[in-house]
Amino acid sequence: MPHGITEVIAQMVRESDRPAKALARELGKPYSTFMRELSGNDKGAKFGVEQLLPLMQACDSVLPLRYLAARMGCRVAALENGASGKASLHEELLDSYDAMTRYHRAIRDEEPLERVAELRERVIGQVQEDFQAYRRKKTGDEG
């Protein structure tokens, strides 16, 4: 479990689909400087807060935001409502079942708080999709 925001940012970079060298280049930093800033052991190099949002966007991750929100007793919710991409309400409900199962397993297995929070947000998003699919079914609005 990460013990600080720097560790969370480093985790986000490690878990990103993009290589760290590409992320460093996008931020306009030499790779070695970027990696020093993400190292919790190098007290001479600090990752600037102004670069957090561009890095989160480049990684397509809100992990640091979730970490900070959790420390303040809050949670992060997406502004967009999830749009159902499933052909039927039944398929949507099966997705919710899977999301809830993963969430409960993470709690049972005592996974890190940030991971459980991420899974909780997936459950919430999935339930929103369920409702939208149900509303479309009830109102006859298929488009």
N, C-alpha and C. Protein backbone atom coordinates (compact mmCIF):
# COMPACT_ATOMS: atom_id res chain seq x y z
N MET A 1 0.85 -1.18 0.00
CA MET A 1 0.00 0.00 0.00
C MET A 1 0.89 1.24 0.00
N PRO A 2 0.63 2.18 -0.92
CA PRO A 2 1.44 3.40 -0.96
C PRO A 2 1.31 4.19 0.34
N HIS A 3 2.43 4.76 0.79
CA HIS A 3 2.43 5.52 2.03
C HIS A 3 2.44 7.02 1.81
N GLY A 4 2.42 7.46 0.58
CA GLY A 4 2.43 8.88 0.30
C GLY A 4 2.07 9.14 -1.15
N ILE A 5 1.82 10.41 -1.43
CA ILE A 5 1.38 10.80 -2.77
C ILE A 5 2.45 10.49 -3.82
N THR A 6 3.73 10.63 -3.47
CA THR A 6 4.79 10.33 -4.43
C THR A 6 4.74 8.86 -4.83
N GLU A 7 4.51 7.98 -3.87
CA GLU A 7 4.40 6.55 -4.18
C GLU A 7 3.18 6.26 -5.05
N VAL A 8 2.09 6.98 -4.82
CA VAL A 8 0.88 6.79 -5.62
C VAL A 8 1.15 7.24 -7.06
N ILE A 9 1.83 8.36 -7.22
CA ILE A 9 2.14 8.86 -8.56
C ILE A 9 3.06 7.87 -9.28
N ALA A 10 4.06 7.36 -8.58
CA ALA A 10 4.96 6.37 -9.18
C ALA A 10 4.19 5.11 -9.58
N GLN A 11 3.26 4.67 -8.75
CA GLN A 11 2.43 3.51 -9.06
C GLN A 11 1.62 3.77 -10.33
N MET A 12 1.05 4.97 -10.44
CA MET A 12 0.26 5.32 -11.61
C MET A 12 1.12 5.23 -12.87
N VAL A 13 2.35 5.72 -12.79
CA VAL A 13 3.26 5.67 -13.94
C VAL A 13 3.58 4.22 -14.28
N ARG A 14 3.85 3.40 -13.29
CA ARG A 14 4.16 1.98 -13.53
C ARG A 14 2.99 1.25 -14.17
N GLU A 15 1.78 1.59 -13.76
CA GLU A 15 0.59 0.89 -14.25
C GLU A 15 0.05 1.47 -15.55
N SER A 16 0.63 2.57 -16.00
CA SER A 16 0.17 3.21 -17.23
C SER A 16 0.47 2.33 -18.44
N ASP A 17 -0.37 2.45 -19.44
CA ASP A 17 -0.13 1.74 -20.70
C ASP A 17 1.01 2.39 -21.50
N ARG A 18 1.37 3.60 -21.11
CA ARG A 18 2.42 4.32 -21.83
C ARG A 18 3.75 4.18 -21.10
N PRO A 19 4.84 4.06 -21.83
CA PRO A 19 6.16 3.95 -21.20
C PRO A 19 6.54 5.24 -20.48
N ALA A 20 7.31 5.10 -19.41
CA ALA A 20 7.73 6.26 -18.62
C ALA A 20 8.51 7.26 -19.47
N LYS A 21 9.28 6.78 -20.43
CA LYS A 21 10.04 7.70 -21.30
C LYS A 21 9.11 8.58 -22.10
N ALA A 22 8.01 8.02 -22.59
CA ALA A 22 7.03 8.80 -23.35
C ALA A 22 6.34 9.82 -22.45
N LEU A 23 6.04 9.42 -21.22
CA LEU A 23 5.41 10.34 -20.27
C LEU A 23 6.34 11.49 -19.94
N ALA A 24 7.62 11.18 -19.71
CA ALA A 24 8.61 12.23 -19.42
C ALA A 24 8.70 13.20 -20.58
N ARG A 25 8.74 12.67 -21.77
CA ARG A 25 8.83 13.52 -22.97
C ARG A 25 7.62 14.44 -23.06
N GLU A 26 6.42 13.88 -22.78
CA GLU A 26 5.19 14.68 -22.84
C GLU A 26 5.19 15.82 -21.81
N LEU A 27 5.81 15.57 -20.66
CA LEU A 27 5.90 16.60 -19.63
C LEU A 27 7.06 17.56 -19.88
N GLY A 28 7.87 17.28 -20.90
CA GLY A 28 9.00 18.15 -21.22
C GLY A 28 10.16 17.99 -20.26
N LYS A 29 10.34 16.77 -19.76
CA LYS A 29 11.41 16.50 -18.79
C LYS A 29 12.34 15.44 -19.34
N PRO A 30 13.61 15.53 -18.99
CA PRO A 30 14.48 14.40 -19.29
C PRO A 30 14.01 13.18 -18.48
N TYR A 31 14.14 12.02 -19.08
CA TYR A 31 13.69 10.79 -18.44
C TYR A 31 14.34 10.61 -17.06
N SER A 32 15.63 10.85 -16.96
CA SER A 32 16.32 10.64 -15.68
C SER A 32 15.79 11.59 -14.61
N THR A 33 15.49 12.81 -14.97
CA THR A 33 14.92 13.77 -14.01
C THR A 33 13.54 13.31 -13.56
N PHE A 34 12.74 12.90 -14.52
CA PHE A 34 11.39 12.42 -14.23
C PHE A 34 11.43 11.25 -13.24
N MET A 35 12.31 10.29 -13.49
CA MET A 35 12.40 9.13 -12.61
C MET A 35 12.94 9.51 -11.23
N ARG A 36 13.84 10.46 -11.16
CA ARG A 36 14.34 10.94 -9.85
C ARG A 36 13.20 11.57 -9.06
N GLU A 37 12.36 12.35 -9.75
CA GLU A 37 11.25 13.00 -9.06
C GLU A 37 10.24 12.00 -8.51
N LEU A 38 10.12 10.86 -9.15
CA LEU A 38 9.16 9.85 -8.72
C LEU A 38 9.75 8.91 -7.67
N SER A 39 11.03 9.04 -7.42
CA SER A 39 11.69 8.19 -6.44
C SER A 39 11.51 8.77 -5.05
N GLY A 40 10.98 8.00 -4.17
CA GLY A 40 10.83 8.45 -2.79
C GLY A 40 12.15 8.55 -2.05
N ASN A 41 13.20 7.96 -2.64
CA ASN A 41 14.51 7.95 -1.99
C ASN A 41 15.36 9.17 -2.32
N ASP A 42 15.02 9.88 -3.39
CA ASP A 42 15.81 11.03 -3.82
C ASP A 42 15.18 12.30 -3.27
N LYS A 43 15.70 12.78 -2.16
CA LYS A 43 15.14 13.97 -1.50
C LYS A 43 15.50 15.26 -2.23
N GLY A 44 16.43 15.18 -3.18
CA GLY A 44 16.85 16.37 -3.93
C GLY A 44 15.97 16.67 -5.12
N ALA A 45 15.09 15.76 -5.48
CA ALA A 45 14.23 15.95 -6.65
C ALA A 45 12.78 15.78 -6.22
N LYS A 46 11.95 16.75 -6.53
CA LYS A 46 10.54 16.70 -6.14
C LYS A 46 9.67 16.87 -7.39
N PHE A 47 8.60 16.10 -7.45
CA PHE A 47 7.64 16.23 -8.54
C PHE A 47 6.74 17.42 -8.26
N GLY A 48 6.66 18.35 -9.19
CA GLY A 48 5.88 19.57 -9.01
C GLY A 48 4.39 19.33 -9.12
N VAL A 49 3.65 19.96 -8.24
CA VAL A 49 2.20 19.79 -8.20
C VAL A 49 1.55 20.28 -9.51
N GLU A 50 2.15 21.27 -10.16
CA GLU A 50 1.59 21.79 -11.41
C GLU A 50 1.64 20.75 -12.53
N GLN A 51 2.48 19.75 -12.37
CA GLN A 51 2.59 18.73 -13.41
C GLN A 51 1.72 17.51 -13.14
N LEU A 52 1.06 17.48 -12.00
CA LEU A 52 0.26 16.32 -11.66
C LEU A 52 -0.90 16.13 -12.62
N LEU A 53 -1.66 17.17 -12.91
CA LEU A 53 -2.80 17.03 -13.81
C LEU A 53 -2.36 16.59 -15.21
N PRO A 54 -1.34 17.23 -15.81
CA PRO A 54 -0.90 16.75 -17.13
C PRO A 54 -0.44 15.28 -17.10
N LEU A 55 0.21 14.87 -16.02
CA LEU A 55 0.65 13.48 -15.92
C LEU A 55 -0.55 12.54 -15.77
N MET A 56 -1.52 12.92 -14.97
CA MET A 56 -2.72 12.09 -14.81
C MET A 56 -3.44 11.96 -16.15
N GLN A 57 -3.50 13.05 -16.90
CA GLN A 57 -4.14 13.00 -18.22
C GLN A 57 -3.35 12.11 -19.17
N ALA A 58 -2.03 12.20 -19.13
CA ALA A 58 -1.19 11.38 -20.00
C ALA A 58 -1.31 9.90 -19.64
N CYS A 59 -1.47 9.61 -18.36
CA CYS A 59 -1.62 8.21 -17.90
C CYS A 59 -3.06 7.73 -17.99
N ASP A 60 -3.99 8.66 -18.23
CA ASP A 60 -5.42 8.36 -18.22
C ASP A 60 -5.80 7.69 -16.91
N SER A 61 -5.43 8.34 -15.79
CA SER A 61 -5.65 7.78 -14.47
C SER A 61 -5.99 8.88 -13.47
N VAL A 62 -6.88 8.55 -12.54
CA VAL A 62 -7.21 9.46 -11.45
C VAL A 62 -6.75 8.88 -10.12
N LEU A 63 -5.83 7.94 -10.16
CA LEU A 63 -5.35 7.30 -8.94
C LEU A 63 -4.87 8.30 -7.89
N PRO A 64 -4.03 9.29 -8.25
CA PRO A 64 -3.62 10.26 -7.22
C PRO A 64 -4.79 11.08 -6.68
N LEU A 65 -5.73 11.40 -7.54
CA LEU A 65 -6.91 12.14 -7.10
C LEU A 65 -7.73 11.32 -6.11
N ARG A 66 -7.90 10.04 -6.38
CA ARG A 66 -8.61 9.16 -5.45
C ARG A 66 -7.87 9.06 -4.12
N TYR A 67 -6.56 8.96 -4.18
CA TYR A 67 -5.74 8.88 -2.97
C TYR A 67 -5.95 10.12 -2.11
N LEU A 68 -5.85 11.30 -2.74
CA LEU A 68 -6.01 12.55 -1.98
C LEU A 68 -7.43 12.68 -1.44
N ALA A 69 -8.41 12.35 -2.26
CA ALA A 69 -9.80 12.46 -1.82
C ALA A 69 -10.07 11.54 -0.63
N ALA A 70 -9.55 10.30 -0.70
CA ALA A 70 -9.75 9.35 0.40
C ALA A 70 -9.14 9.88 1.69
N ARG A 71 -8.00 10.53 1.60
CA ARG A 71 -7.35 11.09 2.79
C ARG A 71 -8.16 12.23 3.41
N MET A 72 -9.03 12.83 2.60
CA MET A 72 -9.88 13.91 3.08
C MET A 72 -11.30 13.41 3.39
N GLY A 73 -11.50 12.10 3.34
CA GLY A 73 -12.81 11.54 3.63
C GLY A 73 -13.81 11.73 2.52
N CYS A 74 -13.31 11.88 1.30
CA CYS A 74 -14.18 12.11 0.14
C CYS A 74 -13.97 11.01 -0.89
N ARG A 75 -14.76 11.05 -1.92
CA ARG A 75 -14.57 10.12 -3.03
C ARG A 75 -14.66 10.90 -4.32
N VAL A 76 -14.14 10.32 -5.38
CA VAL A 76 -14.13 10.93 -6.70
C VAL A 76 -15.25 10.32 -7.52
N ALA A 77 -16.03 11.16 -8.17
CA ALA A 77 -17.09 10.69 -9.05
C ALA A 77 -16.93 11.38 -10.40
N ALA A 78 -17.06 10.61 -11.47
CA ALA A 78 -16.95 11.17 -12.81
C ALA A 78 -18.13 12.10 -13.08
N LEU A 79 -17.89 13.15 -13.84
CA LEU A 79 -18.96 14.08 -14.18
C LEU A 79 -19.90 13.50 -15.22
N GLU A 80 -19.36 12.67 -16.10
CA GLU A 80 -20.21 12.07 -17.13
C GLU A 80 -20.89 10.84 -16.56
N ASN A 81 -22.14 10.67 -16.94
CA ASN A 81 -22.83 9.43 -16.58
C ASN A 81 -22.41 8.37 -17.58
N GLY A 82 -22.23 7.16 -17.10
CA GLY A 82 -21.87 6.07 -17.99
C GLY A 82 -22.98 5.81 -18.99
N ALA A 83 -22.61 5.54 -20.21
CA ALA A 83 -23.60 5.22 -21.23
C ALA A 83 -23.56 3.72 -21.48
N SER A 84 -24.72 3.13 -21.49
CA SER A 84 -24.81 1.69 -21.69
C SER A 84 -24.41 1.33 -23.11
N GLY A 85 -23.54 0.35 -23.21
CA GLY A 85 -23.14 -0.13 -24.52
C GLY A 85 -23.64 -1.54 -24.77
N LYS A 86 -24.42 -2.07 -23.85
CA LYS A 86 -24.89 -3.45 -23.94
C LYS A 86 -26.19 -3.52 -24.74
N ALA A 87 -26.41 -4.68 -25.34
CA ALA A 87 -27.59 -4.88 -26.17
C ALA A 87 -28.86 -5.05 -25.35
N SER A 88 -28.73 -5.49 -24.10
CA SER A 88 -29.94 -5.74 -23.31
C SER A 88 -29.70 -5.35 -21.85
N LEU A 89 -30.82 -5.16 -21.16
CA LEU A 89 -30.77 -4.88 -19.73
C LEU A 89 -30.13 -6.05 -18.99
N HIS A 90 -30.44 -7.25 -19.41
CA HIS A 90 -29.87 -8.44 -18.78
C HIS A 90 -28.34 -8.41 -18.83
N GLU A 91 -27.77 -8.04 -19.97
CA GLU A 91 -26.31 -7.95 -20.09
C GLU A 91 -25.74 -6.88 -19.14
N GLU A 92 -26.44 -5.77 -19.02
CA GLU A 92 -26.01 -4.71 -18.10
C GLU A 92 -25.99 -5.24 -16.67
N LEU A 93 -27.02 -5.95 -16.29
CA LEU A 93 -27.11 -6.46 -14.92
C LEU A 93 -26.00 -7.48 -14.63
N LEU A 94 -25.64 -8.27 -15.62
CA LEU A 94 -24.54 -9.22 -15.44
C LEU A 94 -23.22 -8.48 -15.20
N ASP A 95 -23.03 -7.36 -15.89
CA ASP A 95 -21.83 -6.56 -15.66
C ASP A 95 -21.80 -6.03 -14.23
N SER A 96 -22.95 -5.63 -13.72
CA SER A 96 -23.02 -5.13 -12.35
C SER A 96 -22.68 -6.22 -11.35
N TYR A 97 -23.18 -7.40 -11.61
CA TYR A 97 -22.88 -8.54 -10.74
C TYR A 97 -21.37 -8.77 -10.69
N ASP A 98 -20.73 -8.76 -11.85
CA ASP A 98 -19.28 -8.96 -11.91
C ASP A 98 -18.54 -7.86 -11.16
N ALA A 99 -18.96 -6.61 -11.37
CA ALA A 99 -18.31 -5.48 -10.70
C ALA A 99 -18.46 -5.59 -9.18
N MET A 100 -19.64 -5.94 -8.72
CA MET A 100 -19.89 -6.07 -7.28
C MET A 100 -19.08 -7.22 -6.70
N THR A 101 -18.98 -8.31 -7.44
CA THR A 101 -18.19 -9.46 -6.97
C THR A 101 -16.72 -9.08 -6.80
N ARG A 102 -16.17 -8.37 -7.78
CA ARG A 102 -14.76 -7.93 -7.69
C ARG A 102 -14.56 -7.01 -6.49
N TYR A 103 -15.51 -6.12 -6.27
CA TYR A 103 -15.45 -5.19 -5.14
C TYR A 103 -15.46 -5.95 -3.82
N HIS A 104 -16.38 -6.87 -3.68
CA HIS A 104 -16.47 -7.64 -2.43
C HIS A 104 -15.23 -8.51 -2.21
N ARG A 105 -14.71 -9.10 -3.27
CA ARG A 105 -13.49 -9.90 -3.13
C ARG A 105 -12.31 -9.05 -2.67
N ALA A 106 -12.22 -7.84 -3.20
CA ALA A 106 -11.12 -6.95 -2.81
C ALA A 106 -11.21 -6.62 -1.32
N ILE A 107 -12.42 -6.40 -0.83
CA ILE A 107 -12.60 -6.13 0.60
C ILE A 107 -12.25 -7.37 1.41
N ARG A 108 -12.76 -8.51 0.99
CA ARG A 108 -12.47 -9.77 1.69
C ARG A 108 -10.98 -10.03 1.75
N ASP A 109 -10.28 -9.77 0.65
CA ASP A 109 -8.84 -10.03 0.57
C ASP A 109 -8.00 -8.89 1.14
N GLU A 110 -8.68 -7.89 1.70
CA GLU A 110 -8.02 -6.74 2.33
C GLU A 110 -7.01 -6.07 1.40
N GLU A 111 -7.46 -5.83 0.16
CA GLU A 111 -6.62 -5.13 -0.81
C GLU A 111 -6.45 -3.68 -0.37
N PRO A 112 -5.48 -2.97 -0.95
CA PRO A 112 -5.24 -1.57 -0.56
C PRO A 112 -6.49 -0.71 -0.74
N LEU A 113 -6.61 0.26 0.12
CA LEU A 113 -7.77 1.16 0.13
C LEU A 113 -8.01 1.79 -1.24
N GLU A 114 -6.95 2.22 -1.92
CA GLU A 114 -7.11 2.86 -3.22
C GLU A 114 -7.71 1.91 -4.24
N ARG A 115 -7.31 0.65 -4.20
CA ARG A 115 -7.84 -0.36 -5.13
C ARG A 115 -9.32 -0.61 -4.84
N VAL A 116 -9.68 -0.71 -3.56
CA VAL A 116 -11.09 -0.93 -3.20
C VAL A 116 -11.92 0.29 -3.62
N ALA A 117 -11.37 1.48 -3.44
CA ALA A 117 -12.09 2.70 -3.86
C ALA A 117 -12.31 2.72 -5.37
N GLU A 118 -11.30 2.29 -6.11
CA GLU A 118 -11.43 2.23 -7.57
C GLU A 118 -12.53 1.25 -7.97
N LEU A 119 -12.56 0.10 -7.34
CA LEU A 119 -13.60 -0.89 -7.64
C LEU A 119 -14.98 -0.39 -7.23
N ARG A 120 -15.05 0.34 -6.12
CA ARG A 120 -16.33 0.92 -5.69
C ARG A 120 -16.86 1.88 -6.76
N GLU A 121 -15.98 2.69 -7.32
CA GLU A 121 -16.40 3.63 -8.36
C GLU A 121 -16.90 2.89 -9.60
N ARG A 122 -16.28 1.76 -9.90
CA ARG A 122 -16.76 0.95 -11.03
C ARG A 122 -18.16 0.42 -10.76
N VAL A 123 -18.41 -0.01 -9.52
CA VAL A 123 -19.75 -0.49 -9.15
C VAL A 123 -20.76 0.64 -9.31
N ILE A 124 -20.43 1.81 -8.80
CA ILE A 124 -21.34 2.95 -8.90
C ILE A 124 -21.62 3.29 -10.36
N GLY A 125 -20.57 3.32 -11.18
CA GLY A 125 -20.76 3.59 -12.61
C GLY A 125 -21.61 2.53 -13.29
N GLN A 126 -21.40 1.28 -12.90
CA GLN A 126 -22.17 0.19 -13.49
C GLN A 126 -23.63 0.29 -13.10
N VAL A 127 -23.90 0.64 -11.86
CA VAL A 127 -25.29 0.80 -11.41
C VAL A 127 -25.96 1.95 -12.17
N GLN A 128 -25.22 3.01 -12.46
CA GLN A 128 -25.76 4.10 -13.27
C GLN A 128 -26.13 3.60 -14.67
N GLU A 129 -25.28 2.77 -15.24
CA GLU A 129 -25.57 2.20 -16.55
C GLU A 129 -26.81 1.30 -16.49
N ASP A 130 -26.94 0.54 -15.42
CA ASP A 130 -28.12 -0.31 -15.25
C ASP A 130 -29.40 0.53 -15.28
N PHE A 131 -29.37 1.62 -14.53
CA PHE A 131 -30.55 2.48 -14.45
C PHE A 131 -30.88 3.07 -15.81
N GLN A 132 -29.87 3.52 -16.53
CA GLN A 132 -30.11 4.09 -17.85
C GLN A 132 -30.70 3.05 -18.80
N ALA A 133 -30.17 1.83 -18.75
CA ALA A 133 -30.72 0.77 -19.59
C ALA A 133 -32.16 0.45 -19.20
N TYR A 134 -32.43 0.43 -17.92
CA TYR A 134 -33.79 0.15 -17.44
C TYR A 134 -34.74 1.27 -17.85
N ARG A 135 -34.27 2.50 -17.71
CA ARG A 135 -35.10 3.65 -18.10
C ARG A 135 -35.42 3.59 -19.59
N ARG A 136 -34.42 3.27 -20.42
CA ARG A 136 -34.67 3.15 -21.86
C ARG A 136 -35.69 2.06 -22.14
N LYS A 137 -35.58 0.97 -21.45
CA LYS A 137 -36.53 -0.14 -21.65
C LYS A 137 -37.95 0.30 -21.28
N LYS A 138 -38.09 0.97 -20.15
CA LYS A 138 -39.42 1.37 -19.66
C LYS A 138 -40.04 2.47 -20.51
N THR A 139 -39.20 3.37 -21.04
CA THR A 139 -39.73 4.49 -21.80
C THR A 139 -39.77 4.20 -23.30
N GLY A 140 -39.16 3.10 -23.70
CA GLY A 140 -39.13 2.77 -25.12
C GLY A 140 -38.12 3.57 -25.92
N ASP A 141 -37.26 4.31 -25.22
CA ASP A 141 -36.24 5.13 -25.87
C ASP A 141 -34.99 4.28 -26.10
N GLU A 142 -34.81 3.77 -27.29
CA GLU A 142 -33.67 2.91 -27.59
C GLU A 142 -32.51 3.67 -28.21
N GLY A 143 -32.63 4.95 -28.45
CA GLY A 143 -31.55 5.67 -29.11
C GLY A 143 -31.01 6.68 -28.21
